[in-house]
Amino acid sequence: MLILEELQPGQTPTRRHAMPIVVPDSLDLLRGPAEGAVTLPIWLDWGPDPVYDLSREDDIHTMYRAVIFEATADADVNEWLNAGLLKRIWPDLVLPARHRRE
């Protein structure tokens, strides 16, 4: 499900008003990798090293933030996020308030 933040009267548009937030309809749909090395596609991570080692906690957090911030379709989150990993790291995952829904 895509969510767009509404522009309030008199508010100047910013990137957050143009970028959707992709929220899965169910955590059961998140069937991404839970281990190993993961290379994100360029539309999710265009940096010099889009490879993440899922045995490293900091890599998991960085990868999940990249996917959550840059996903533009349900398929992005369903393919690259794993429900078990997301549940485990959610309390410590640093995200802006607009990306958090408990």
Protein backbone atom coordinates (compact mmCIF):
# COMPACT_ATOMS: atom_id res chain seq x y z
CA MET A 1 0.00 0.00 0.00
CA LEU A 2 1.38 3.43 -0.96
CA ILE A 3 0.88 6.40 1.34
CA LEU A 4 1.55 9.98 0.27
CA GLU A 5 1.85 12.73 2.86
CA GLU A 6 -0.71 15.46 2.25
CA LEU A 7 0.40 19.02 1.64
CA GLN A 8 -1.24 21.38 4.12
CA PRO A 9 -2.54 24.80 3.00
CA GLY A 10 0.35 27.29 2.88
CA GLN A 11 2.96 24.54 3.26
CA THR A 12 5.91 24.46 0.86
CA PRO A 13 6.22 21.15 -0.99
CA THR A 14 9.30 19.08 -0.16
CA ARG A 15 10.65 15.68 -1.23
CA ARG A 16 8.55 13.95 1.42
CA HIS A 17 5.36 15.12 -0.31
CA ALA A 18 6.45 13.55 -3.60
CA MET A 19 7.91 10.29 -2.28
CA PRO A 20 5.42 7.63 -1.26
CA ILE A 21 5.83 5.52 1.83
CA VAL A 22 5.28 1.86 1.03
CA VAL A 23 3.57 0.00 3.86
CA PRO A 24 3.00 -3.75 3.50
CA ASP A 25 -0.59 -4.89 3.86
CA SER A 26 0.71 -7.71 6.07
CA LEU A 27 4.08 -8.64 7.56
CA ASP A 28 3.47 -12.11 6.12
CA LEU A 29 4.19 -10.61 2.68
CA LEU A 30 7.76 -9.68 3.67
CA ARG A 31 9.74 -12.66 2.40
CA GLY A 32 13.13 -11.08 1.80
CA PRO A 33 16.45 -12.68 2.67
CA ALA A 34 17.27 -13.36 6.32
CA GLU A 35 20.94 -14.27 5.93
CA GLY A 36 23.89 -13.99 3.62
CA ALA A 37 25.09 -11.14 1.44
CA VAL A 38 22.44 -9.04 -0.28
CA THR A 39 22.97 -6.66 -3.19
CA LEU A 40 20.16 -4.14 -3.50
CA PRO A 41 19.07 -2.99 -6.95
CA ILE A 42 20.19 0.45 -8.07
CA TRP A 43 16.76 2.06 -7.54
CA LEU A 44 17.00 1.22 -3.82
CA ASP A 45 20.71 1.90 -3.28
CA TRP A 46 22.78 3.78 -5.84
CA GLY A 47 25.82 4.13 -3.57
CA PRO A 48 29.27 2.73 -4.31
CA ASP A 49 28.69 -0.48 -2.32
CA PRO A 50 25.06 -1.70 -2.27
CA VAL A 51 26.07 -5.05 -0.71
CA TYR A 52 24.89 -5.85 2.81
CA ASP A 53 26.03 -8.69 5.08
CA LEU A 54 22.97 -9.79 7.03
CA SER A 55 25.13 -11.30 9.76
CA ARG A 56 26.15 -7.73 10.70
CA GLU A 57 23.60 -5.76 12.72
CA ASP A 58 24.71 -2.38 11.33
CA ASP A 59 24.36 -3.68 7.75
CA ILE A 60 20.83 -4.88 8.48
CA HIS A 61 19.83 -1.47 9.86
CA THR A 62 21.42 0.40 6.94
CA MET A 63 19.84 -1.87 4.33
CA TYR A 64 16.39 -1.74 5.92
CA ARG A 65 16.50 2.07 6.14
CA ALA A 66 17.48 2.22 2.45
CA VAL A 67 14.61 -0.04 1.41
CA ILE A 68 12.06 1.74 3.63
CA PHE A 69 13.13 5.21 2.40
CA GLU A 70 13.50 4.38 -1.29
CA ALA A 71 10.83 1.76 -2.01
CA THR A 72 8.18 2.94 -4.44
CA ALA A 73 6.22 -0.28 -4.90
CA ASP A 74 4.91 -3.12 -2.75
CA ALA A 75 7.27 -5.50 -4.57
CA ASP A 76 10.28 -3.56 -3.24
CA VAL A 77 9.47 -4.13 0.42
CA ASN A 78 8.07 -7.63 -0.10
CA GLU A 79 11.21 -8.82 -1.92
CA TRP A 80 13.91 -7.13 0.19
CA LEU A 81 12.54 -7.03 3.76
CA ASN A 82 12.15 -10.09 5.94
CA ALA A 83 9.33 -10.10 8.52
CA GLY A 84 11.40 -11.85 11.21
CA LEU A 85 14.35 -9.49 10.85
CA LEU A 86 12.10 -6.43 10.72
CA LYS A 87 10.31 -7.45 13.93
CA ARG A 88 13.66 -8.02 15.64
CA ILE A 89 15.24 -4.68 14.68
CA TRP A 90 12.10 -2.49 14.67
CA PRO A 91 12.50 -1.16 18.25
CA ASP A 92 16.03 0.07 17.47
CA LEU A 93 15.62 1.04 13.81
CA VAL A 94 16.16 4.79 13.43
CA LEU A 95 13.41 6.18 11.19
CA PRO A 96 11.62 9.52 10.90
CA ALA A 97 8.19 9.59 12.53
CA ARG A 98 6.45 9.62 9.13
CA HIS A 99 7.92 6.17 8.42
CA ARG A 100 6.89 4.62 11.73
CA ARG A 101 3.56 2.99 12.31
CA GLU A 102 3.41 0.72 15.32
